Amino acid sequence: MSPSEMFVMFGGIGMFLYGMTIMSTGLRNACGEHLQSILEKATRSRLTSVGVGIGLTVLMQSSSATDVMVIGFVTSGLMTLTQALGVIMGANIGTTVTAQITAFNIGMYAPVILFVGAIMTLFVKKQTLRDIGSVILGFGMLFVGLSMIKQSIAPLAETPLFIRLISGLENPFATILFGVLFTALLQSSSSSTVIFQAFAVEGLISYQTAVWLVIGAAVGSVMPNLLAGLTANRAGKRCSVLNLLFNLLRAALIVTLITVFPQILTFLQATAPGNIARQIANTHTAFAIIAVVILLPFSNQIVALSEKLIPLSADENKIQEERRLVYLTNIERIPPAMVIDQAHREVSRMGHIAADNLADAVDCFQEPSERKQEEVLSTEKTVDYLTKAILDQLVQVRMDELTPRLTTKLYDMIRVVDDIERISDHAQNIVEYSEVMRSGKAKLSEDGMRDLRELSDLAVSSVRLSVEVFETEDVSRIGEARKLEEQVDLAKERVLDNHAARLARDKCDPQGGIILTDMATDLERCSDHGMNLVDVVENG
């Protein structure tokens, strides 16, 4: 291969990869935020998760992009590992579409496609149409790049060095390893598979060699996800390992199947006689589907293996214990009246979690700590989860079987859930103030911190007492709760009056003053939300 031909090949690879990037970006922009919302909803079943994984990957033309999004959702607690595995499996099927598209010989139309995409991208004003133009432009670049690759690699068939390299790939395991490394370098199984197709079309490799390369490409495709997992929390790392485990199991499964039943490859070749590009594309797709069909029933075992490789920490065990319903389970099997009682227990449990979170947020403000901040934010997600889970259960209660008193109690329960959720929201606000303080962008005087500490102690005590009154329905403590709430109101006024006095004496940092007033408001509102729980008991 001459230097000019080598430059053409590298230029073709670059254009192919860039075309895929432009196409992916255009699709994401055209779809707006729907991709993330779809991914978040992939929780109903394993099959739904697989379907979402296929759809998103076809849209984005990148299984790596889908998998990285999944790692983000697992890291943030929006998706479980079982749900994530379903999406990962679907992404492995969706990524085979690229090879199916490039198996069509439409290279002669690529310049026209490129021209149309460029016109739309450069001259159309409407953003949605410009995004669609980017998709068309990327599609055209993909085929122009592929044509350049084919043109440049044709002379390789007569190059002694390349012939020796290809002959060294006769060993299946060496060939798989080459596919792994080549794909890890490109960070795209779609791209490497298309390049293997081009090699086969030019007669540089046989169909059998391409099969082993495709198997290796699936394993090599996890490299971007492993890199993404390095900066994630333990759940995110576990998700990236889960992806690796699935693809290793997939490779082992496919190698075993085609070794024991070589007729599989004969059948796949027969699906497109005389068209080796289509044969490779069909093989790529068939391997992905076979692996998902066989391994999907073993999702729980694969997830368990990933959890053994990266065991759950004490904090994660706590999150798993809290982020589930304890009392509101199997409500369709118990009388509606009993459901209300179970709901009361569940809401009370949620109230204690939110009250503890408020106390932790106050501690984090007084003694700033990144670890404490992460714990508060994690618990806030737990409260959000419980809010949705409890409300989803309550709306299923058969209203026609409830007495008027129980109907009122049901509606009260729904309102209380909202109040408790708001308390945890204010806790999140407080740790955000803590982050500003820790960064040095704001500071409070000792007097200001002392005033906030007094108000914080009263507000936390008020919320805890309100939750206890709601849980026990002890009307004898309502007066105590109201008195404590009034003390919170008075303490807030003192905080603001003292702050105004310090401002007058020019003894207060302006940014710190904003945080002080905002936090005082948050604390006072937490006490107000707590009193709403007490009102439910008093009016019940």
Protein backbone atom coordinates (compact mmCIF):
# COMPACT_ATOMS: atom_id res chain seq x y z
CA MET A 1 0.00 0.00 0.00
CA SER A 2 1.44 3.37 -1.02
CA PRO A 3 1.45 6.36 1.35
CA SER A 4 -1.28 8.05 -0.69
CA GLU A 5 -3.52 4.98 -0.45
CA MET A 6 -2.89 4.80 3.28
CA PHE A 7 -3.90 8.46 3.65
CA VAL A 8 -7.06 7.76 1.68
CA MET A 9 -7.88 4.83 3.99
CA PHE A 10 -7.34 6.89 7.14
CA GLY A 11 -9.33 9.74 5.62
CA GLY A 12 -12.15 7.33 4.78
CA ILE A 13 -12.17 5.93 8.32
CA GLY A 14 -12.19 9.47 9.71
CA MET A 15 -15.06 10.52 7.45
CA PHE A 16 -17.01 7.38 8.32
CA LEU A 17 -16.61 7.94 12.06
CA TYR A 18 -17.38 11.64 11.79
CA GLY A 19 -20.42 10.89 9.64
CA MET A 20 -21.73 8.56 12.34
CA THR A 21 -21.12 11.24 14.97
CA ILE A 22 -22.97 13.91 12.97
CA MET A 23 -25.84 11.53 12.27
CA SER A 24 -26.07 10.56 15.94
CA THR A 25 -25.98 14.18 17.11
CA GLY A 26 -28.62 15.21 14.58
CA LEU A 27 -30.94 12.43 15.68
CA ARG A 28 -30.52 13.30 19.34
CA ASN A 29 -31.21 16.98 18.66
CA ALA A 30 -34.21 16.20 16.47
CA CYS A 31 -35.70 14.00 19.19
CA GLY A 32 -35.01 16.58 21.89
CA GLU A 33 -35.25 15.26 25.44
CA HIS A 34 -37.51 12.36 24.46
CA LEU A 35 -34.55 9.93 24.37
CA GLN A 36 -33.85 10.35 28.08
CA SER A 37 -37.51 10.25 29.05
CA ILE A 38 -37.96 7.04 27.04
CA LEU A 39 -34.93 5.49 28.71
CA GLU A 40 -36.20 6.46 32.16
CA LYS A 41 -39.49 4.66 31.46
CA ALA A 42 -37.82 1.41 30.43
CA THR A 43 -38.79 -0.17 33.74
CA ARG A 44 -41.93 -2.17 33.16
CA SER A 45 -40.40 -5.44 32.00
CA ARG A 46 -37.24 -6.98 30.64
CA LEU A 47 -38.69 -7.13 27.15
CA THR A 48 -39.63 -3.44 27.32
CA SER A 49 -36.09 -2.59 28.35
CA VAL A 50 -34.69 -4.61 25.45
CA GLY A 51 -37.05 -2.86 23.03
CA VAL A 52 -36.03 0.57 24.32
CA GLY A 53 -32.36 -0.38 23.99
CA ILE A 54 -32.91 -1.41 20.36
CA GLY A 55 -34.87 1.74 19.52
CA LEU A 56 -32.47 4.20 21.11
CA THR A 57 -29.42 2.59 19.56
CA VAL A 58 -30.99 2.57 16.10
CA LEU A 59 -31.77 6.28 16.55
CA MET A 60 -28.34 7.24 17.88
CA GLN A 61 -26.38 4.74 15.78
CA SER A 62 -24.23 4.02 18.80
CA SER A 63 -24.63 1.29 21.41
CA SER A 64 -21.85 2.99 23.39
CA ALA A 65 -23.93 6.19 23.65
CA THR A 66 -26.93 4.20 24.88
CA ASP A 67 -24.81 2.27 27.38
CA VAL A 68 -23.18 5.43 28.72
CA MET A 69 -26.66 6.93 29.24
CA VAL A 70 -27.64 3.76 31.10
CA ILE A 71 -24.59 4.08 33.36
CA GLY A 72 -25.71 7.63 34.15
CA PHE A 73 -29.22 6.50 35.08
CA VAL A 74 -27.92 3.65 37.24
CA THR A 75 -25.46 6.02 38.91
CA SER A 76 -28.27 8.45 39.75
CA GLY A 77 -30.55 5.65 41.01
CA LEU A 78 -33.17 6.08 38.26
CA MET A 79 -32.65 2.56 36.92
CA THR A 80 -31.86 -0.80 38.50
CA LEU A 81 -29.16 -3.12 37.20
CA THR A 82 -31.77 -5.58 35.92
CA GLN A 83 -33.46 -2.84 33.91
CA ALA A 84 -30.06 -1.61 32.72
CA LEU A 85 -29.10 -5.09 31.51
CA GLY A 86 -32.24 -5.24 29.38
CA VAL A 87 -31.36 -1.94 27.70
CA ILE A 88 -27.75 -3.08 27.21
CA MET A 89 -28.97 -6.27 25.54
CA GLY A 90 -31.25 -4.26 23.27
CA ALA A 91 -28.38 -1.93 22.39
CA ASN A 92 -26.36 -4.93 21.22
CA ILE A 93 -29.13 -5.72 18.74
CA GLY A 94 -29.70 -2.11 17.70
CA THR A 95 -26.05 -1.54 16.86
CA THR A 96 -26.21 -4.20 14.12
CA VAL A 97 -28.44 -1.96 12.01
CA THR A 98 -25.43 0.05 10.80
CA ALA A 99 -23.90 -3.02 9.17
CA GLN A 100 -27.27 -3.84 7.59
CA ILE A 101 -27.47 -0.34 6.09
CA THR A 102 -23.92 -0.33 4.75
CA ALA A 103 -24.47 -3.74 3.14
CA PHE A 104 -26.57 -1.89 0.55
CA ASN A 105 -24.44 -0.80 -2.38
CA ILE A 106 -25.60 2.81 -2.56
CA GLY A 107 -22.16 4.41 -2.66
CA MET A 108 -22.89 5.96 -6.07
CA TYR A 109 -25.73 7.97 -4.51
CA ALA A 110 -23.63 9.14 -1.54
CA PRO A 111 -22.55 12.48 -3.13
CA VAL A 112 -26.20 13.39 -3.78
CA ILE A 113 -27.14 12.49 -0.19
CA LEU A 114 -24.16 14.51 1.02
CA PHE A 115 -25.23 17.52 -1.06
CA VAL A 116 -28.84 17.44 0.19
CA GLY A 117 -27.68 17.15 3.81
CA ALA A 118 -25.23 20.04 3.42
CA ILE A 119 -27.90 22.31 1.87
CA MET A 120 -30.35 21.58 4.68
CA THR A 121 -27.74 22.03 7.40
CA LEU A 122 -26.29 25.27 6.07
CA PHE A 123 -29.23 27.13 4.56
CA VAL A 124 -32.45 25.98 6.25
CA LYS A 125 -33.48 28.21 9.17
CA LYS A 126 -35.85 25.90 11.05
CA GLN A 127 -33.82 24.07 13.67
CA THR A 128 -35.69 20.77 13.41
CA LEU A 129 -35.08 20.61 9.65
CA ARG A 130 -31.44 21.54 10.18
CA ASP A 131 -31.12 18.63 12.62
CA ILE A 132 -32.68 16.31 10.03
CA GLY A 133 -30.21 17.75 7.52
CA SER A 134 -27.39 16.79 9.88
CA VAL A 135 -28.70 13.24 9.90
CA ILE A 136 -28.75 13.16 6.08
CA LEU A 137 -25.31 14.78 5.91
CA GLY A 138 -23.88 12.22 8.32
CA PHE A 139 -25.52 9.42 6.35
CA GLY A 140 -23.88 10.64 3.17
CA MET A 141 -20.48 11.04 4.84
CA LEU A 142 -20.80 7.50 6.13
CA PHE A 143 -21.06 6.08 2.61
CA VAL A 144 -18.45 8.41 1.11
CA GLY A 145 -16.04 7.32 3.84
CA LEU A 146 -16.88 3.68 3.20
CA SER A 147 -16.20 4.12 -0.53
CA MET A 148 -12.82 5.69 0.27
CA ILE A 149 -11.96 2.76 2.55
CA LYS A 150 -12.87 0.21 -0.13
CA GLN A 151 -10.88 2.12 -2.76
CA SER A 152 -7.76 2.32 -0.60
CA ILE A 153 -7.70 -1.25 0.71
CA ALA A 154 -8.05 -2.97 -2.69
CA PRO A 155 -4.23 -2.98 -3.28
CA LEU A 156 -3.72 -4.60 0.15
CA ALA A 157 -4.56 -7.96 -1.37
CA GLU A 158 -1.16 -7.89 -3.07
CA THR A 159 0.82 -6.51 -0.10
CA PRO A 160 3.09 -9.18 1.49
CA LEU A 161 2.96 -7.59 4.97
CA PHE A 162 -0.85 -7.54 5.05
CA ILE A 163 -1.03 -11.08 3.63
CA ARG A 164 1.18 -12.28 6.51
CA LEU A 165 -1.01 -10.39 9.00
CA ILE A 166 -4.22 -11.87 7.60
CA SER A 167 -2.74 -15.35 7.49
CA GLY A 168 -1.96 -14.96 11.19
CA LEU A 169 -5.69 -14.58 11.81
CA GLU A 170 -6.45 -18.17 10.88
CA ASN A 171 -6.49 -19.03 14.59
CA PRO A 172 -10.01 -18.19 15.81
CA PHE A 173 -8.93 -16.95 19.22
CA ALA A 174 -6.20 -14.75 17.73
CA THR A 175 -8.79 -13.37 15.32
CA ILE A 176 -11.25 -12.65 18.14
CA LEU A 177 -8.49 -10.88 20.08
CA PHE A 178 -7.68 -8.78 16.99
CA GLY A 179 -11.38 -7.85 16.74
CA VAL A 180 -11.41 -6.88 20.42
CA LEU A 181 -8.34 -4.64 20.13
CA PHE A 182 -9.37 -3.10 16.81
CA THR A 183 -12.84 -2.22 18.13
CA ALA A 184 -11.45 -0.91 21.43
CA LEU A 185 -9.23 1.39 19.37
CA LEU A 186 -12.16 2.69 17.27
CA GLN A 187 -14.51 2.58 20.31
CA SER A 188 -17.34 1.45 18.03
CA SER A 189 -18.41 -2.09 17.13
CA SER A 190 -20.54 -0.68 14.29
CA SER A 191 -17.53 1.01 12.70
CA SER A 192 -15.22 -1.98 13.05
CA THR A 193 -17.86 -4.36 11.65
CA VAL A 194 -18.36 -2.12 8.62
CA ILE A 195 -14.60 -2.05 8.04
CA PHE A 196 -14.50 -5.86 8.30
CA GLN A 197 -17.28 -5.92 5.70
CA ALA A 198 -15.13 -3.78 3.41
CA PHE A 199 -12.16 -6.13 3.89
CA ALA A 200 -14.35 -9.09 2.98
CA VAL A 201 -15.86 -7.40 -0.08
CA GLU A 202 -12.36 -6.72 -1.42
CA GLY A 203 -11.40 -10.34 -0.82
CA LEU A 204 -8.89 -9.59 1.94
CA ILE A 205 -10.57 -11.82 4.53
CA SER A 206 -12.93 -14.78 4.29
CA TYR A 207 -16.43 -15.00 5.72
CA GLN A 208 -15.18 -17.33 8.48
CA THR A 209 -12.49 -14.84 9.51
CA ALA A 210 -15.06 -12.03 9.53
CA VAL A 211 -17.25 -14.11 11.87
CA TRP A 212 -14.50 -14.32 14.50
CA LEU A 213 -13.75 -10.61 14.08
CA VAL A 214 -17.41 -9.74 14.63
CA ILE A 215 -17.44 -11.79 17.85
CA GLY A 216 -14.38 -9.91 19.08
CA ALA A 217 -15.91 -6.57 18.08
CA ALA A 218 -18.81 -7.09 20.50
CA VAL A 219 -16.39 -7.47 23.41
CA GLY A 220 -14.21 -4.55 22.31
CA SER A 221 -17.25 -2.28 22.15
CA VAL A 222 -17.43 -2.10 25.94
CA MET A 223 -14.28 0.03 26.18
CA PRO A 224 -16.13 3.42 26.21
CA ASN A 225 -18.43 2.09 28.94
CA LEU A 226 -15.54 0.90 31.07
CA LEU A 227 -13.99 4.35 30.73
CA ALA A 228 -17.32 5.98 31.66
CA GLY A 229 -17.55 3.69 34.69
CA LEU A 230 -14.24 4.96 36.06
CA THR A 231 -15.80 8.28 37.07
CA ALA A 232 -19.14 6.81 38.23
CA ASN A 233 -20.09 5.68 41.72
CA ARG A 234 -20.12 2.02 42.70
CA ALA A 235 -23.50 1.46 41.06
CA GLY A 236 -22.20 2.97 37.81
CA LYS A 237 -19.04 0.86 37.96
CA ARG A 238 -21.19 -2.20 38.54
CA CYS A 239 -23.22 -1.30 35.44
CA SER A 240 -20.09 -1.05 33.26
CA VAL A 241 -18.91 -4.42 34.60
CA LEU A 242 -22.38 -5.80 33.86
CA ASN A 243 -21.97 -4.74 30.23
CA LEU A 244 -18.58 -6.47 30.05
CA LEU A 245 -19.99 -9.65 31.60
CA PHE A 246 -22.85 -9.80 29.12
CA ASN A 247 -20.56 -9.39 26.12
CA LEU A 248 -18.07 -11.96 27.43
CA LEU A 249 -20.92 -14.43 28.00
CA ARG A 250 -22.28 -13.57 24.57
CA ALA A 251 -18.90 -14.27 22.93
CA ALA A 252 -18.49 -17.57 24.80
CA LEU A 253 -22.05 -18.60 23.90
CA ILE A 254 -21.68 -17.81 20.19
CA VAL A 255 -18.26 -19.49 19.93
CA THR A 256 -19.71 -22.62 21.55
CA LEU A 257 -22.77 -22.65 19.30
CA ILE A 258 -20.95 -22.25 15.99
CA THR A 259 -18.31 -24.76 17.05
CA VAL A 260 -20.87 -27.41 18.00
CA PHE A 261 -23.30 -26.49 15.21
CA PRO A 262 -21.27 -25.18 12.23
CA GLN A 263 -24.49 -25.46 10.20
CA ILE A 264 -25.47 -22.10 11.72
CA LEU A 265 -22.84 -20.34 9.62
CA THR A 266 -23.85 -22.29 6.53
CA PHE A 267 -27.43 -21.16 7.04
CA LEU A 268 -26.41 -17.52 7.57
CA GLN A 269 -24.32 -17.55 4.38
CA ALA A 270 -27.30 -18.94 2.49
CA THR A 271 -29.41 -15.93 3.51
CA ALA A 272 -27.53 -13.77 0.99
CA PRO A 273 -25.80 -15.90 -1.67
CA GLY A 274 -22.93 -14.10 -3.38
CA ASN A 275 -23.22 -11.01 -1.15
CA ILE A 276 -20.59 -11.34 1.58
CA ALA A 277 -21.33 -7.87 3.01
CA ARG A 278 -24.94 -8.88 3.61
CA GLN A 279 -23.84 -12.25 4.99
CA ILE A 280 -21.66 -10.51 7.58
CA ALA A 281 -24.43 -8.07 8.44
CA ASN A 282 -26.94 -10.91 8.88
CA THR A 283 -24.43 -12.82 11.01
CA HIS A 284 -23.84 -9.75 13.17
CA THR A 285 -27.58 -9.32 13.73
CA ALA A 286 -28.27 -13.04 14.26
CA PHE A 287 -25.52 -13.37 16.87
CA ALA A 288 -26.92 -10.42 18.82
CA ILE A 289 -30.50 -11.76 18.76
CA ILE A 290 -29.46 -15.30 19.67
CA ALA A 291 -27.41 -14.05 22.63
CA VAL A 292 -30.26 -11.91 23.96
CA VAL A 293 -32.87 -14.67 23.57
CA ILE A 294 -30.70 -17.18 25.44
CA LEU A 295 -29.25 -14.90 28.12
CA LEU A 296 -32.29 -12.72 28.91
CA PRO A 297 -33.87 -15.35 31.22
CA PHE A 298 -30.62 -15.36 33.21
CA SER A 299 -30.61 -11.60 33.82
CA ASN A 300 -30.86 -11.94 37.59
CA GLN A 301 -27.89 -14.31 37.69
CA ILE A 302 -25.76 -11.98 35.53
CA VAL A 303 -26.68 -9.03 37.77
CA ALA A 304 -25.84 -11.09 40.87
CA LEU A 305 -22.43 -11.90 39.39
CA SER A 306 -21.71 -8.21 38.81
CA GLU A 307 -22.69 -7.49 42.43
CA LYS A 308 -20.28 -10.17 43.61
CA LEU A 309 -17.46 -8.62 41.58
CA ILE A 310 -18.28 -5.18 43.03
CA PRO A 311 -20.11 -5.94 46.30
CA LEU A 312 -22.76 -3.62 47.72
CA SER A 313 -21.35 -1.19 50.27
CA ALA A 314 -23.06 -0.48 53.60
CA ASP A 315 -24.50 2.75 52.16
CA GLU A 316 -25.87 0.93 49.11
CA ASN A 317 -27.49 -1.72 51.32
CA LYS A 318 -29.15 1.08 53.27
CA ILE A 319 -30.42 2.69 50.06
CA GLN A 320 -31.79 -0.61 48.79
CA GLU A 321 -33.52 -1.20 52.12
CA GLU A 322 -35.08 2.27 52.16
CA ARG A 323 -35.92 2.48 48.45
CA ARG A 324 -38.73 -0.05 48.57
CA LEU A 325 -42.24 -0.27 49.94
CA VAL A 326 -42.48 -2.17 53.21
CA TYR A 327 -46.18 -2.04 54.04
CA LEU A 328 -47.99 -1.13 50.80
CA THR A 329 -47.47 -4.44 49.02
CA ASN A 330 -50.00 -6.79 47.43
CA ILE A 331 -52.78 -4.29 48.09
CA GLU A 332 -55.09 -6.05 45.65
CA ARG A 333 -55.28 -8.97 48.09
CA ILE A 334 -56.30 -7.04 51.19
CA PRO A 335 -59.44 -5.05 52.06
CA PRO A 336 -59.33 -1.33 51.15
CA ALA A 337 -59.76 -0.36 54.81
CA MET A 338 -56.59 -2.26 55.66
CA VAL A 339 -54.81 -0.61 52.73
CA ILE A 340 -55.41 2.78 54.34
CA ASP A 341 -53.85 1.51 57.57
CA GLN A 342 -50.85 0.13 55.69
CA ALA A 343 -50.54 3.40 53.79
CA HIS A 344 -50.43 5.27 57.11
CA ARG A 345 -47.52 3.09 58.22
CA GLU A 346 -45.71 3.58 54.89
CA VAL A 347 -46.18 7.36 54.91
CA SER A 348 -44.99 7.53 58.53
CA ARG A 349 -41.87 5.59 57.57
CA MET A 350 -41.26 8.01 54.71
CA GLY A 351 -41.75 10.92 57.14
CA HIS A 352 -39.00 9.65 59.43
CA ILE A 353 -36.64 9.27 56.46
CA ALA A 354 -37.33 12.87 55.37
CA ALA A 355 -36.92 14.19 58.94
CA ASP A 356 -33.59 12.39 59.28
CA ASN A 357 -32.54 13.81 55.92
CA LEU A 358 -33.30 17.33 57.12
CA ALA A 359 -31.18 16.73 60.22
CA ASP A 360 -28.34 15.39 58.07
CA ALA A 361 -28.58 18.42 55.78
CA VAL A 362 -28.30 20.76 58.77
CA ASP A 363 -25.26 18.82 60.02
CA CYS A 364 -23.73 19.11 56.54
CA PHE A 365 -24.26 22.88 56.56
CA GLN A 366 -22.69 23.29 59.97
CA GLU A 367 -19.79 20.94 59.16
CA PRO A 368 -19.46 20.92 55.36
CA SER A 369 -18.59 17.51 53.92
CA GLU A 370 -18.84 16.15 50.38
CA ARG A 371 -19.74 12.72 51.74
CA LYS A 372 -22.57 14.11 53.87
CA GLN A 373 -23.82 16.08 50.90
CA GLU A 374 -23.93 12.97 48.71
CA GLU A 375 -25.83 11.09 51.43
CA VAL A 376 -28.47 13.82 51.66
CA LEU A 377 -28.89 13.96 47.88
CA SER A 378 -29.15 10.17 47.74
CA THR A 379 -31.82 10.15 50.45
CA GLU A 380 -33.69 12.88 48.56
CA LYS A 381 -33.88 10.49 45.59
CA THR A 382 -35.15 7.80 47.99
CA VAL A 383 -37.92 10.13 49.19
CA ASP A 384 -38.80 10.94 45.57
CA TYR A 385 -38.98 7.21 44.82
CA LEU A 386 -41.20 6.54 47.84
CA THR A 387 -43.44 9.48 46.90
CA LYS A 388 -44.12 8.04 43.46
CA ALA A 389 -44.40 4.46 44.70
CA ILE A 390 -46.86 5.33 47.48
CA LEU A 391 -49.02 7.51 45.25
CA ASP A 392 -49.06 4.84 42.54
CA GLN A 393 -50.42 2.40 45.11
CA LEU A 394 -52.96 4.79 46.61
CA VAL A 395 -54.60 5.61 43.27
CA GLN A 396 -55.37 1.90 42.87
CA VAL A 397 -57.52 1.79 46.01
CA ARG A 398 -61.15 0.92 45.24
CA MET A 399 -62.93 4.10 46.31
CA ASP A 400 -66.40 2.56 46.18
CA GLU A 401 -65.49 0.23 49.04
CA LEU A 402 -64.35 3.01 51.41
CA THR A 403 -66.46 4.73 54.04
CA PRO A 404 -66.57 8.56 53.95
CA ARG A 405 -64.10 8.68 56.87
CA LEU A 406 -61.63 6.40 55.14
CA THR A 407 -62.03 8.31 51.87
CA THR A 408 -61.10 11.51 53.70
CA LYS A 409 -58.14 9.76 55.28
CA LEU A 410 -56.98 8.57 51.86
CA TYR A 411 -57.01 12.12 50.48
CA ASP A 412 -55.24 13.35 53.63
CA MET A 413 -52.57 10.70 53.06
CA ILE A 414 -51.96 11.95 49.53
CA ARG A 415 -51.54 15.52 50.81
CA VAL A 416 -49.20 14.39 53.57
CA VAL A 417 -46.98 12.56 51.09
CA ASP A 418 -46.54 15.85 49.22
CA ASP A 419 -45.66 17.71 52.44
CA ILE A 420 -43.06 15.11 53.40
CA GLU A 421 -41.55 15.24 49.92
CA ARG A 422 -41.26 19.02 50.19
CA ILE A 423 -39.39 18.70 53.51
CA SER A 424 -36.76 16.58 51.77
CA ASP A 425 -36.62 19.12 48.90
CA HIS A 426 -35.72 21.82 51.42
CA ALA A 427 -33.02 19.51 52.81
CA GLN A 428 -31.55 19.37 49.30
CA ASN A 429 -31.58 23.19 49.17
CA ILE A 430 -29.66 23.33 52.44
CA VAL A 431 -26.84 21.05 51.24
CA GLU A 432 -26.60 23.18 48.09
CA TYR A 433 -26.02 26.19 50.35
CA SER A 434 -23.39 24.09 52.11
CA GLU A 435 -21.63 23.49 48.79
CA VAL A 436 -21.47 27.23 48.14
CA MET A 437 -20.04 27.79 51.61
CA ARG A 438 -17.49 25.01 51.14
CA SER A 439 -16.34 26.51 47.84
CA GLY A 440 -15.49 29.77 49.61
CA LYS A 441 -17.89 31.83 47.49
CA ALA A 442 -19.78 32.90 50.60
CA LYS A 443 -19.19 33.06 54.33
CA LEU A 444 -21.23 33.67 57.45
CA SER A 445 -20.25 35.45 60.64
CA GLU A 446 -20.11 33.52 63.90
CA ASP A 447 -23.26 35.33 65.04
CA GLY A 448 -25.05 34.35 61.84
CA MET A 449 -24.03 30.71 62.19
CA ARG A 450 -25.16 30.70 65.83
CA ASP A 451 -28.56 32.12 64.88
CA LEU A 452 -29.00 29.52 62.12
CA ARG A 453 -27.92 26.73 64.46
CA GLU A 454 -30.62 27.72 66.95
CA LEU A 455 -33.26 27.92 64.21
CA SER A 456 -32.10 24.62 62.69
CA ASP A 457 -32.36 22.76 65.98
CA LEU A 458 -35.89 24.03 66.52
CA ALA A 459 -36.98 23.25 62.94
CA VAL A 460 -35.60 19.70 63.05
CA SER A 461 -37.27 19.10 66.41
CA SER A 462 -40.54 20.50 65.06
CA VAL A 463 -40.49 18.21 62.01
CA ARG A 464 -39.59 15.14 64.08
CA LEU A 465 -42.39 15.85 66.55
CA SER A 466 -44.90 16.39 63.74
CA VAL A 467 -44.01 13.05 62.17
CA GLU A 468 -44.36 11.33 65.55
CA VAL A 469 -47.79 12.93 66.13
CA PHE A 470 -48.89 11.79 62.66
CA GLU A 471 -47.55 8.28 63.19
CA THR A 472 -49.09 7.75 66.63
CA GLU A 473 -52.16 9.95 66.03
CA ASP A 474 -51.58 11.21 69.58
CA VAL A 475 -53.85 14.27 69.86
CA SER A 476 -52.46 15.01 73.34
CA ARG A 477 -49.19 16.24 71.76
CA ILE A 478 -50.76 18.58 69.22
CA GLY A 479 -50.40 21.58 71.55
CA GLU A 480 -46.72 20.77 72.07
CA ALA A 481 -46.23 20.62 68.30
CA ARG A 482 -47.97 23.97 67.74
CA LYS A 483 -45.91 25.64 70.45
CA LEU A 484 -42.69 24.36 68.90
CA GLU A 485 -43.77 25.57 65.46
CA GLU A 486 -44.42 29.05 66.90
CA GLN A 487 -40.89 29.00 68.37
CA VAL A 488 -39.56 28.26 64.89
CA ASP A 489 -41.44 31.30 63.51
CA LEU A 490 -40.05 33.54 66.26
CA ALA A 491 -36.53 32.18 65.76
CA LYS A 492 -36.72 32.93 62.04
CA GLU A 493 -37.75 36.53 62.80
CA ARG A 494 -34.76 36.87 65.17
CA VAL A 495 -32.43 35.51 62.50
CA LEU A 496 -33.65 38.05 59.96
CA ASP A 497 -33.68 40.97 62.45
CA ASN A 498 -30.14 40.21 63.62
CA HIS A 499 -29.01 39.88 60.00
CA ALA A 500 -30.51 43.30 59.18
CA ALA A 501 -28.65 44.80 62.15
CA ARG A 502 -25.35 43.33 60.98
CA LEU A 503 -25.98 44.65 57.47
CA ALA A 504 -26.51 48.12 58.93
CA ARG A 505 -23.12 47.85 60.67
CA ASP A 506 -21.56 46.49 57.44
CA LYS A 507 -20.56 43.29 59.25
CA CYS A 508 -22.05 40.76 56.86
CA ASP A 509 -20.86 39.17 53.62
CA PRO A 510 -23.56 39.92 50.98
CA GLN A 511 -23.49 36.43 49.44
CA GLY A 512 -23.50 34.86 52.88
CA GLY A 513 -26.47 37.05 53.78
CA ILE A 514 -28.46 35.67 50.85
CA ILE A 515 -27.75 32.13 51.97
CA LEU A 516 -28.72 32.96 55.55
CA THR A 517 -32.12 34.37 54.57
CA ASP A 518 -32.84 31.58 52.09
CA MET A 519 -31.92 28.88 54.59
CA ALA A 520 -34.00 30.52 57.33
CA THR A 521 -36.96 30.44 54.94
CA ASP A 522 -36.33 26.78 54.08
CA LEU A 523 -36.22 25.80 57.75
CA GLU A 524 -39.39 27.71 58.59
CA ARG A 525 -41.22 26.09 55.66
CA CYS A 526 -40.11 22.64 56.80
CA SER A 527 -41.81 23.33 60.13
CA ASP A 528 -44.93 24.51 58.27
CA HIS A 529 -45.05 21.31 56.21
CA GLY A 530 -44.66 19.34 59.43
CA MET A 531 -47.63 21.15 60.94
CA ASN A 532 -49.74 20.06 57.97
CA LEU A 533 -49.23 16.50 59.23
CA VAL A 534 -50.40 17.57 62.68
CA ASP A 535 -53.47 19.27 61.18
CA VAL A 536 -54.46 15.96 59.56
CA VAL A 537 -54.43 14.30 62.98
CA GLU A 538 -56.34 17.15 64.60
CA ASN A 539 -59.01 17.22 61.91
CA GLY A 540 -59.28 13.45 61.73
